[in-house]
């Protein structure tokens, strides 16, 4: 199988030591790493997981940012065992950190970086010119080398985006951007929803930057029969992480993203009612535009006076009043002998209507095989609205970052006869540092992870 390469427009993950960030590749673009700007041209058409060496700076901008170029490296040099065989002290009590132990100045160190020295060479110079290094304990020497190598590292690796890597990056930067959704909790959402490659799944995503949609679409896979219906609360869905996964067009087309409120209206009221409202609004706006010029001209006919009334209408006009004025305007147009009435009141169906109609037809043909709700708001009304679209004997799962909304939802669903096997659960994940002779829990641990409410719908 051919190894995948980076193309213009793709998203990549840049890894430098323990730091990662997501970037979109452009032909002449750059991405920032600290105070340096790295040119993207070097990564185009290169395989993922390639290691690059940072060369430069080749130029410096007015604001002091230095531009760096990339070249492919066979492997990254490391200073991991640089302290092996060197003398070390028994303790650090005699060491005084007064800032005078390093003989090299900042300017001299910067000259070494601009000369293209590797991090291993720079760390070697720092050790040679340090008056306190050989008095440190072996453990302190190792920490010193690791700290300096991180600062002066000149190697980075281009990674292919995965759900796990994207979740880790966004969760570390700001857990609120992904609604506090941890990776182990996300995997349980997929498991409790029973996401498979050939199913039809309903997802309500209330604010996870598209993480839950990306995970479900990735689980469904490419060139399968699966469908994902992504319901969102706003005018536009937040699909940041879906795009970052570099899905193919074929895979993206099997995700239908529509507004929840619009979907429910179209499903229960029918497309004829919605189209009639859209036609009236379009006709009114068309007449406003067509007659606005006459309001300032010499034509003061009945047609212009009625159009003026519509244009000057305030936003508090009720639907009945608006309909009456619409009829008056249309009647005035007919009396004025306007032969373009049919052209005036015709319009193309908006894109959102066609997409929503496709979702309605899809769910009328067959119901969903699973329902997942990832909400920031209270989920009770949402689950009550979406359960009728779930097939009998199929699972549903609700995620919320707080316990209390799910407790209230649990009590409400428990009183229903068509919901069984309700479970309210949470996870606590503790991170551990695993190193020789010093394995212990991480000192700073984020206990965010949210709560899950899972169950089955029966007849």
Protein backbone atom coordinates (compact mmCIF):
# COMPACT_ATOMS: atom_id res chain seq x y z
CA UNK A 1 0.00 0.00 0.00
CA UNK A 2 1.31 3.42 -0.95
CA UNK A 3 2.37 5.59 1.94
CA UNK A 4 0.16 8.65 2.31
CA UNK A 5 1.79 12.00 1.72
CA UNK A 6 0.99 15.56 2.76
CA UNK A 7 -0.92 17.63 0.19
CA UNK A 8 -1.88 21.29 0.02
CA UNK A 9 -5.11 21.79 1.96
CA UNK A 10 -4.52 18.85 4.29
CA UNK A 11 -4.36 19.20 8.05
CA UNK A 12 -1.24 17.99 9.84
CA UNK A 13 -0.09 17.66 13.44
CA UNK A 14 3.31 19.18 14.15
CA UNK A 15 5.14 17.51 17.01
CA UNK A 16 8.22 18.98 18.62
CA UNK A 17 9.27 17.08 21.72
CA UNK A 18 6.11 16.86 23.88
CA UNK A 19 4.41 19.81 22.16
CA UNK A 20 1.82 19.28 19.41
CA UNK A 21 -0.31 21.62 17.34
CA UNK A 22 -2.74 21.33 14.42
CA UNK A 23 -2.00 23.20 11.17
CA UNK A 24 -3.54 23.41 7.72
CA UNK A 25 -1.02 23.15 4.90
CA UNK A 26 -0.87 25.98 2.37
CA UNK A 27 1.56 26.30 -0.50
CA UNK A 28 3.38 29.43 0.68
CA UNK A 29 2.20 29.46 4.29
CA UNK A 30 3.98 29.24 7.63
CA UNK A 31 3.15 28.04 11.13
CA UNK A 32 4.50 29.40 14.39
CA UNK A 33 6.59 27.56 16.96
CA UNK A 34 7.39 29.91 19.80
CA UNK A 35 9.17 32.92 18.34
CA UNK A 36 9.88 31.21 15.04
CA UNK A 37 7.90 30.96 11.81
CA UNK A 38 8.36 27.65 9.98
CA UNK A 39 7.80 27.46 6.22
CA UNK A 40 5.30 24.79 5.13
CA UNK A 41 6.76 24.27 1.67
CA UNK A 42 9.18 21.67 3.01
CA UNK A 43 6.44 19.26 4.15
CA UNK A 44 4.39 19.20 0.91
CA UNK A 45 4.47 15.81 -0.86
CA UNK A 46 6.43 14.28 2.02
CA UNK A 47 5.10 11.15 3.80
CA UNK A 48 3.42 11.49 7.17
CA UNK A 49 5.59 10.62 10.21
CA UNK A 50 8.62 12.19 8.50
CA UNK A 51 11.16 13.88 10.79
CA UNK A 52 12.52 17.26 9.70
CA UNK A 53 15.45 19.36 10.82
CA UNK A 54 14.86 23.06 11.31
CA UNK A 55 17.35 25.13 9.30
CA UNK A 56 17.92 28.82 9.76
CA UNK A 57 16.82 31.39 10.47
CA UNK A 58 16.81 32.42 6.82
CA UNK A 59 15.20 35.82 7.55
CA UNK A 60 13.84 37.94 10.37
CA UNK A 61 10.61 39.93 10.21
CA UNK A 62 10.04 43.43 11.57
CA UNK A 63 8.39 42.09 14.74
CA UNK A 64 11.39 39.91 15.51
CA UNK A 65 9.99 36.57 14.32
CA UNK A 66 12.56 34.38 12.60
CA UNK A 67 11.69 32.33 9.52
CA UNK A 68 12.86 28.70 9.51
CA UNK A 69 13.03 26.20 6.65
CA UNK A 70 12.76 22.42 6.91
CA UNK A 71 14.80 19.59 5.45
CA UNK A 72 14.24 15.86 5.84
CA UNK A 73 16.35 14.20 8.54
CA UNK A 74 17.12 10.50 8.85
CA UNK A 75 16.59 10.63 12.60
CA UNK A 76 16.49 13.17 15.40
CA UNK A 77 19.59 13.52 17.53
CA UNK A 78 19.04 13.25 21.26
CA UNK A 79 21.03 14.23 24.33
CA UNK A 80 19.45 11.51 26.48
CA UNK A 81 22.70 9.77 27.51
CA UNK A 82 24.96 12.81 27.32
CA UNK A 83 25.56 12.79 31.07
CA UNK A 84 26.63 9.14 31.19
CA UNK A 85 30.22 8.71 32.37
CA UNK A 86 30.47 12.29 33.67
CA UNK A 87 31.31 13.13 37.27
CA UNK A 88 28.38 13.96 39.53
CA UNK A 89 27.87 15.13 43.09
CA UNK A 90 26.20 13.40 46.01
CA UNK A 91 23.69 16.20 46.72
CA UNK A 92 22.82 19.74 45.60
CA UNK A 93 23.07 21.55 48.92
CA UNK A 94 26.28 23.36 48.04
CA UNK A 95 24.98 24.67 44.69
CA UNK A 96 23.95 28.32 44.65
CA UNK A 97 21.76 29.28 41.71
CA UNK A 98 22.88 32.90 41.35
CA UNK A 99 22.89 32.99 37.52
CA UNK A 100 26.68 33.14 37.20
CA UNK A 101 27.44 29.44 36.74
CA UNK A 102 27.01 29.56 32.93
CA UNK A 103 29.92 31.23 31.16
CA UNK A 104 28.23 31.41 27.75
CA UNK A 105 26.16 34.53 27.20
CA UNK A 106 22.73 34.59 25.53
CA UNK A 107 24.28 36.15 22.43
CA UNK A 108 26.87 33.38 22.16
CA UNK A 109 24.19 30.70 22.56
CA UNK A 110 22.09 32.41 19.89
CA UNK A 111 25.10 32.45 17.57
CA UNK A 112 25.41 28.68 18.03
CA UNK A 113 21.74 28.23 17.05
CA UNK A 114 22.09 30.44 13.97
CA UNK A 115 25.24 28.54 12.98
CA UNK A 116 23.08 25.42 12.62
CA UNK A 117 24.36 23.52 15.65
CA UNK A 118 22.16 20.65 16.78
CA UNK A 119 20.56 20.55 20.22
CA UNK A 120 23.04 17.86 21.27
CA UNK A 121 26.00 20.08 20.35
CA UNK A 122 24.52 23.14 22.08
CA UNK A 123 23.79 21.17 25.25
CA UNK A 124 27.38 19.87 25.14
CA UNK A 125 28.71 23.45 25.02
CA UNK A 126 26.43 24.41 27.94
CA UNK A 127 27.75 21.52 30.02
CA UNK A 128 31.38 22.38 29.27
CA UNK A 129 30.88 26.01 30.25
CA UNK A 130 28.84 25.35 33.40
CA UNK A 131 30.68 25.60 36.71
CA UNK A 132 27.96 23.82 38.68
CA UNK A 133 26.94 20.96 36.39
CA UNK A 134 29.48 18.44 37.71
CA UNK A 135 28.40 19.19 41.28
CA UNK A 136 24.78 18.21 40.58
CA UNK A 137 23.46 14.75 41.31
CA UNK A 138 22.98 12.38 38.40
CA UNK A 139 19.23 12.88 38.61
CA UNK A 140 19.61 16.70 38.50
CA UNK A 141 22.02 16.42 35.55
CA UNK A 142 19.44 14.39 33.64
CA UNK A 143 16.71 16.96 34.35
CA UNK A 144 19.05 19.80 33.29
CA UNK A 145 19.89 18.09 29.97
CA UNK A 146 16.23 17.31 29.25
CA UNK A 147 15.21 20.90 29.94
CA UNK A 148 17.92 22.35 27.68
CA UNK A 149 17.27 19.83 24.91
CA UNK A 150 13.60 20.82 24.89
CA UNK A 151 14.58 24.47 24.56
CA UNK A 152 17.13 24.04 21.78
CA UNK A 153 15.62 21.08 19.90
CA UNK A 154 15.85 21.57 16.12
CA UNK A 155 13.79 18.58 15.03
CA UNK A 156 10.08 18.13 14.49
CA UNK A 157 7.84 15.38 13.13
CA UNK A 158 4.74 15.65 10.93
CA UNK A 159 1.95 13.36 12.18
CA UNK A 160 -1.26 12.27 10.49
CA UNK A 161 -4.34 13.52 12.40
CA UNK A 162 -6.25 10.90 14.37
CA UNK A 163 -9.18 11.23 16.75
CA UNK A 164 -6.93 10.42 19.71
CA UNK A 165 -4.28 13.01 18.82
CA UNK A 166 -6.83 15.75 18.11
CA UNK A 167 -8.65 15.08 21.38
CA UNK A 168 -5.38 15.17 23.31
CA UNK A 169 -4.31 18.49 21.75
CA UNK A 170 -7.63 20.27 22.28
CA UNK A 171 -8.18 18.81 25.75
CA UNK A 172 -4.75 19.92 26.88
CA UNK A 173 -5.18 23.44 25.50
CA UNK A 174 -8.73 24.05 26.73
CA UNK A 175 -11.05 21.20 27.85
CA UNK A 176 -14.07 23.49 27.45
CA UNK A 177 -13.61 23.59 23.67
CA UNK A 178 -14.44 19.88 23.47
CA UNK A 179 -17.02 20.04 26.29
CA UNK A 180 -14.63 18.27 28.69
CA UNK A 181 -14.90 15.10 26.57
CA UNK A 182 -11.99 12.84 27.48
CA UNK A 183 -10.81 10.09 25.14
CA UNK A 184 -11.91 7.18 27.32
CA UNK A 185 -15.36 8.76 27.72
CA UNK A 186 -15.58 9.33 23.97
CA UNK A 187 -14.77 5.68 23.33
CA UNK A 188 -17.60 4.69 25.66
CA UNK A 189 -20.00 6.97 23.76
CA UNK A 190 -19.14 5.04 20.59
CA UNK A 191 -19.50 1.70 22.37
CA UNK A 192 -22.83 2.43 24.08
CA UNK A 193 -24.20 3.84 20.81
CA UNK A 194 -23.00 0.66 19.05
CA UNK A 195 -21.53 2.55 16.07
CA UNK A 196 -20.84 0.21 13.13
CA UNK A 197 -19.94 0.63 9.49
CA UNK A 198 -23.38 -0.12 8.03
CA UNK A 199 -25.74 1.67 10.41
CA UNK A 200 -27.67 4.92 10.50
CA UNK A 201 -26.89 7.07 13.53
CA UNK A 202 -28.31 10.23 15.05
CA UNK A 203 -25.93 12.62 16.79
CA UNK A 204 -26.75 15.85 18.60
CA UNK A 205 -23.53 17.81 19.15
CA UNK A 206 -24.03 20.84 21.36
CA UNK A 207 -20.44 22.05 21.46
CA UNK A 208 -17.48 19.66 21.15
CA UNK A 209 -15.82 21.33 18.14
CA UNK A 210 -16.94 18.40 16.01
CA UNK A 211 -14.98 15.85 18.08
CA UNK A 212 -17.91 13.47 18.58
CA UNK A 213 -18.91 13.75 14.90
CA UNK A 214 -15.31 13.07 13.80
CA UNK A 215 -15.09 10.02 16.07
CA UNK A 216 -18.39 8.54 14.83
CA UNK A 217 -17.57 9.22 11.18
CA UNK A 218 -14.14 7.65 11.66
CA UNK A 219 -15.72 4.57 13.26
CA UNK A 220 -18.20 4.24 10.37
CA UNK A 221 -15.26 4.33 7.96
CA UNK A 222 -14.84 4.99 4.24
CA UNK A 223 -16.62 3.15 1.41
CA UNK A 224 -19.28 1.72 3.71
CA UNK A 225 -23.07 1.94 3.89
CA UNK A 226 -23.16 3.91 7.14
CA UNK A 227 -24.85 7.29 7.58
CA UNK A 228 -24.38 9.94 10.27
CA UNK A 229 -27.07 12.56 10.85
CA UNK A 230 -25.45 15.41 12.77
CA UNK A 231 -28.01 17.69 14.44
CA UNK A 232 -26.71 21.00 15.78
CA UNK A 233 -28.27 23.93 17.68
CA UNK A 234 -27.00 26.91 15.65
CA UNK A 235 -27.17 28.10 12.08
CA UNK A 236 -23.90 26.39 11.18
CA UNK A 237 -22.41 23.19 12.64
CA UNK A 238 -18.99 23.37 14.27
CA UNK A 239 -17.03 20.81 12.25
CA UNK A 240 -13.49 21.98 13.00
CA UNK A 241 -12.20 18.55 14.00
CA UNK A 242 -14.16 16.79 11.26
CA UNK A 243 -12.26 18.81 8.65
CA UNK A 244 -9.00 18.25 10.54
CA UNK A 245 -9.36 14.48 10.01
CA UNK A 246 -8.86 14.87 6.22
CA UNK A 247 -11.83 12.64 5.40
CA UNK A 248 -12.44 11.88 1.74
CA UNK A 249 -15.34 13.54 -0.08
CA UNK A 250 -17.12 10.19 -0.26
CA UNK A 251 -16.95 9.83 3.51
CA UNK A 252 -17.98 13.43 4.22
CA UNK A 253 -21.05 13.15 1.98
CA UNK A 254 -22.42 10.44 4.26
CA UNK A 255 -22.65 12.94 7.12
CA UNK A 256 -25.78 15.10 6.95
CA UNK A 257 -25.54 18.18 9.20
CA UNK A 258 -28.80 20.09 9.81
CA UNK A 259 -30.29 22.37 12.42
CA UNK A 260 -32.31 20.51 15.07
CA UNK A 261 -35.19 22.99 15.24
CA UNK A 262 -35.51 23.20 11.44
CA UNK A 263 -35.48 19.41 11.18
CA UNK A 264 -38.29 19.01 13.73
CA UNK A 265 -40.41 21.70 12.05
CA UNK A 266 -40.01 20.17 8.62
CA UNK A 267 -40.70 16.66 9.89
CA UNK A 268 -43.92 17.47 11.77
CA UNK A 269 -45.30 20.42 9.76
CA UNK A 270 -44.38 19.17 6.30
CA UNK A 271 -42.41 20.81 3.52
CA UNK A 272 -45.49 22.46 1.98
CA UNK A 273 -46.04 24.70 5.02
CA UNK A 274 -42.37 25.67 5.17
CA UNK A 275 -42.22 26.35 1.42
CA UNK A 276 -45.34 28.51 1.63
CA UNK A 277 -43.75 30.62 4.36
CA UNK A 278 -40.53 30.90 2.38
CA UNK A 279 -42.46 31.91 -0.75
CA UNK A 280 -44.30 34.67 1.09
CA UNK A 281 -41.10 36.01 2.62
CA UNK A 282 -39.30 35.87 -0.71
CA UNK A 283 -42.15 37.61 -2.53
CA UNK A 284 -42.27 40.34 0.10
CA UNK A 285 -38.51 40.94 -0.05
CA UNK A 286 -38.60 40.89 -3.87
CA UNK A 287 -41.33 43.49 -3.96
CA UNK A 288 -39.43 45.64 -1.49
CA UNK A 289 -36.38 45.59 -3.75
CA UNK A 290 -38.33 46.17 -6.95
CA UNK A 291 -40.31 49.10 -5.63
CA UNK A 292 -37.68 50.81 -3.50
CA UNK A 293 -36.52 52.86 -6.51
CA UNK A 294 -40.06 54.09 -7.16
CA UNK A 295 -40.34 55.45 -3.62
CA UNK A 296 -37.82 58.16 -4.48
CA UNK A 297 -38.94 58.73 -8.08
CA UNK A 298 -41.83 60.38 -9.77
CA UNK A 299 -44.10 57.31 -9.77
CA UNK A 300 -46.62 57.79 -6.93
CA UNK A 301 -49.09 55.16 -8.03
CA UNK A 302 -51.07 52.94 -5.73
CA UNK A 303 -48.44 50.23 -6.28
CA UNK A 304 -45.64 52.47 -4.97
CA UNK A 305 -47.66 53.68 -1.97
CA UNK A 306 -48.43 50.13 -0.87
CA UNK A 307 -44.83 49.06 -1.36
CA UNK A 308 -43.76 52.02 0.79
CA UNK A 309 -46.02 50.80 3.56
CA UNK A 310 -44.36 47.41 3.43
CA UNK A 311 -40.85 48.85 3.42
CA UNK A 312 -41.61 51.08 6.38
CA UNK A 313 -43.19 48.21 8.28
CA UNK A 314 -41.60 47.55 11.68
CA UNK A 315 -40.34 44.22 13.02
CA UNK A 316 -43.29 43.80 15.38
CA UNK A 317 -45.77 43.11 12.55
CA UNK A 318 -47.66 39.89 13.18
CA UNK A 319 -47.89 37.11 10.63
CA UNK A 320 -51.59 37.90 9.92
CA UNK A 321 -50.84 41.57 9.30
CA UNK A 322 -47.88 40.66 7.12
CA UNK A 323 -50.04 38.25 5.12
CA UNK A 324 -52.70 40.93 4.63
CA UNK A 325 -50.13 43.45 3.45
CA UNK A 326 -48.66 40.79 1.17
CA UNK A 327 -52.10 40.28 -0.41
CA UNK A 328 -52.58 44.06 -0.80
CA UNK A 329 -49.21 44.42 -2.48
CA UNK A 330 -49.79 41.50 -4.84
CA UNK A 331 -53.26 42.85 -5.68
CA UNK A 332 -51.81 46.28 -6.37
CA UNK A 333 -49.21 44.71 -8.67
CA UNK A 334 -51.96 42.95 -10.61
CA UNK A 335 -54.00 46.17 -10.87
CA UNK A 336 -50.91 47.98 -12.09
CA UNK A 337 -50.64 45.47 -14.90
CA UNK A 338 -47.39 43.82 -13.81
CA UNK A 339 -46.95 40.77 -16.04
CA UNK A 340 -43.87 39.54 -14.15
CA UNK A 341 -45.78 38.46 -11.04
CA UNK A 342 -44.91 34.81 -11.52
CA UNK A 343 -41.24 35.67 -11.90
CA UNK A 344 -41.41 37.91 -8.83
CA UNK A 345 -42.85 35.27 -6.52
CA UNK A 346 -40.72 32.33 -7.73
CA UNK A 347 -37.52 31.40 -5.88
CA UNK A 348 -34.94 28.66 -5.58
CA UNK A 349 -35.16 26.45 -2.52
CA UNK A 350 -32.37 27.34 -0.09
CA UNK A 351 -29.59 24.84 0.49
CA UNK A 352 -30.54 24.24 4.11
CA UNK A 353 -34.07 23.27 3.06
CA UNK A 354 -32.82 20.64 0.62
CA UNK A 355 -30.40 19.22 3.20
CA UNK A 356 -33.07 19.09 5.90
CA UNK A 357 -35.55 17.51 3.50
CA UNK A 358 -32.99 14.80 2.74
CA UNK A 359 -32.64 14.03 6.45
CA UNK A 360 -36.43 13.91 6.90
CA UNK A 361 -36.80 11.52 3.98
CA UNK A 362 -33.94 9.41 5.30
CA UNK A 363 -35.55 8.97 8.72
CA UNK A 364 -39.00 8.39 7.25
CA UNK A 365 -37.58 5.53 5.20
CA UNK A 366 -36.07 3.87 8.29
CA UNK A 367 -35.27 4.96 11.82
CA UNK A 368 -31.83 5.33 13.35
CA UNK A 369 -29.79 2.43 14.72
CA UNK A 370 -28.31 4.52 17.52
CA UNK A 371 -28.64 7.91 19.20
CA UNK A 372 -25.83 9.91 20.80
CA UNK A 373 -26.32 13.26 22.53
CA UNK A 374 -23.31 15.38 23.51
CA UNK A 375 -24.88 18.45 25.06
CA UNK A 376 -23.89 21.56 26.94
CA UNK A 377 -27.52 22.42 27.64
CA UNK A 378 -30.01 20.36 29.64
CA UNK A 379 -30.53 17.16 27.60
CA UNK A 380 -34.07 16.17 28.71
CA UNK A 381 -36.03 18.03 26.01
CA UNK A 382 -33.50 16.96 23.38
CA UNK A 383 -33.73 13.26 24.18
CA UNK A 384 -37.54 13.41 24.34
CA UNK A 385 -37.58 15.03 20.88
CA UNK A 386 -35.15 12.55 19.30
CA UNK A 387 -36.21 9.22 20.83
CA UNK A 388 -39.14 8.86 18.37
CA UNK A 389 -36.58 8.67 15.54
CA UNK A 390 -34.73 5.75 17.16
CA UNK A 391 -35.50 2.19 16.08
CA UNK A 392 -36.99 -0.17 18.66
CA UNK A 393 -34.46 -2.21 20.70
CA UNK A 394 -31.66 0.20 19.77
CA UNK A 395 -29.33 2.00 22.22
CA UNK A 396 -28.95 5.66 23.11
CA UNK A 397 -26.31 7.47 25.14
CA UNK A 398 -26.22 10.99 26.58
CA UNK A 399 -23.05 12.82 27.59
CA UNK A 400 -22.92 15.86 29.83
CA UNK A 401 -19.99 17.40 31.68
CA UNK A 402 -22.10 17.74 34.87
CA UNK A 403 -23.97 15.09 36.83
CA UNK A 404 -27.12 16.97 37.88
CA UNK A 405 -28.74 17.35 34.40
CA UNK A 406 -28.27 13.65 33.78
CA UNK A 407 -29.77 12.79 37.17
CA UNK A 408 -32.92 14.72 36.30
CA UNK A 409 -33.00 13.11 32.86
CA UNK A 410 -32.57 9.68 34.46
CA UNK A 411 -35.59 10.23 36.72
CA UNK A 412 -37.72 11.44 33.80
CA UNK A 413 -36.77 8.54 31.51
CA UNK A 414 -37.22 6.01 34.33
CA UNK A 415 -40.91 6.87 34.43
CA UNK A 416 -41.34 5.92 30.75
CA UNK A 417 -42.35 2.39 29.85
CA UNK A 418 -40.43 2.34 26.57
CA UNK A 419 -36.97 2.91 28.08
CA UNK A 420 -35.07 0.14 29.86
CA UNK A 421 -31.62 -0.67 31.23
CA UNK A 422 -30.82 2.92 32.20
CA UNK A 423 -27.33 3.42 33.60
CA UNK A 424 -25.77 6.60 34.90
CA UNK A 425 -21.99 6.30 35.12
CA UNK A 426 -18.78 8.26 35.24
CA UNK A 427 -15.08 7.56 34.84
CA UNK A 428 -12.08 8.83 36.68
CA UNK A 429 -8.79 8.58 34.82
CA UNK A 430 -5.53 9.20 36.69
CA UNK A 431 -2.37 9.80 34.72
CA UNK A 432 0.92 8.25 35.81
CA UNK A 433 4.52 9.17 35.13
CA UNK A 434 6.34 5.94 34.34
CA UNK A 435 10.13 6.21 34.59
CA UNK A 436 12.82 3.95 36.05
CA UNK A 437 12.74 4.08 39.86
CA UNK A 438 10.30 7.00 39.94
CA UNK A 439 6.84 5.91 38.83
CA UNK A 440 4.09 7.92 40.49
CA UNK A 441 0.78 9.69 39.68
CA UNK A 442 1.12 12.93 37.76
CA UNK A 443 1.31 15.93 40.05
CA UNK A 444 -1.17 17.99 38.04
CA UNK A 445 -4.20 15.93 37.00
CA UNK A 446 -7.35 17.17 35.27
CA UNK A 447 -10.35 15.33 36.71
CA UNK A 448 -12.71 16.44 33.93
CA UNK A 449 -14.35 13.61 32.04
CA UNK A 450 -18.08 14.11 32.27
CA UNK A 451 -20.91 11.66 32.87
CA UNK A 452 -22.85 9.23 30.70
CA UNK A 453 -26.47 8.12 30.72
CA UNK A 454 -27.11 5.06 28.55
CA UNK A 455 -30.18 2.95 27.87
CA UNK A 456 -32.34 1.16 25.29
CA UNK A 457 -35.60 2.10 23.62
CA UNK A 458 -38.26 -0.62 23.48
CA UNK A 459 -41.80 -0.75 22.11
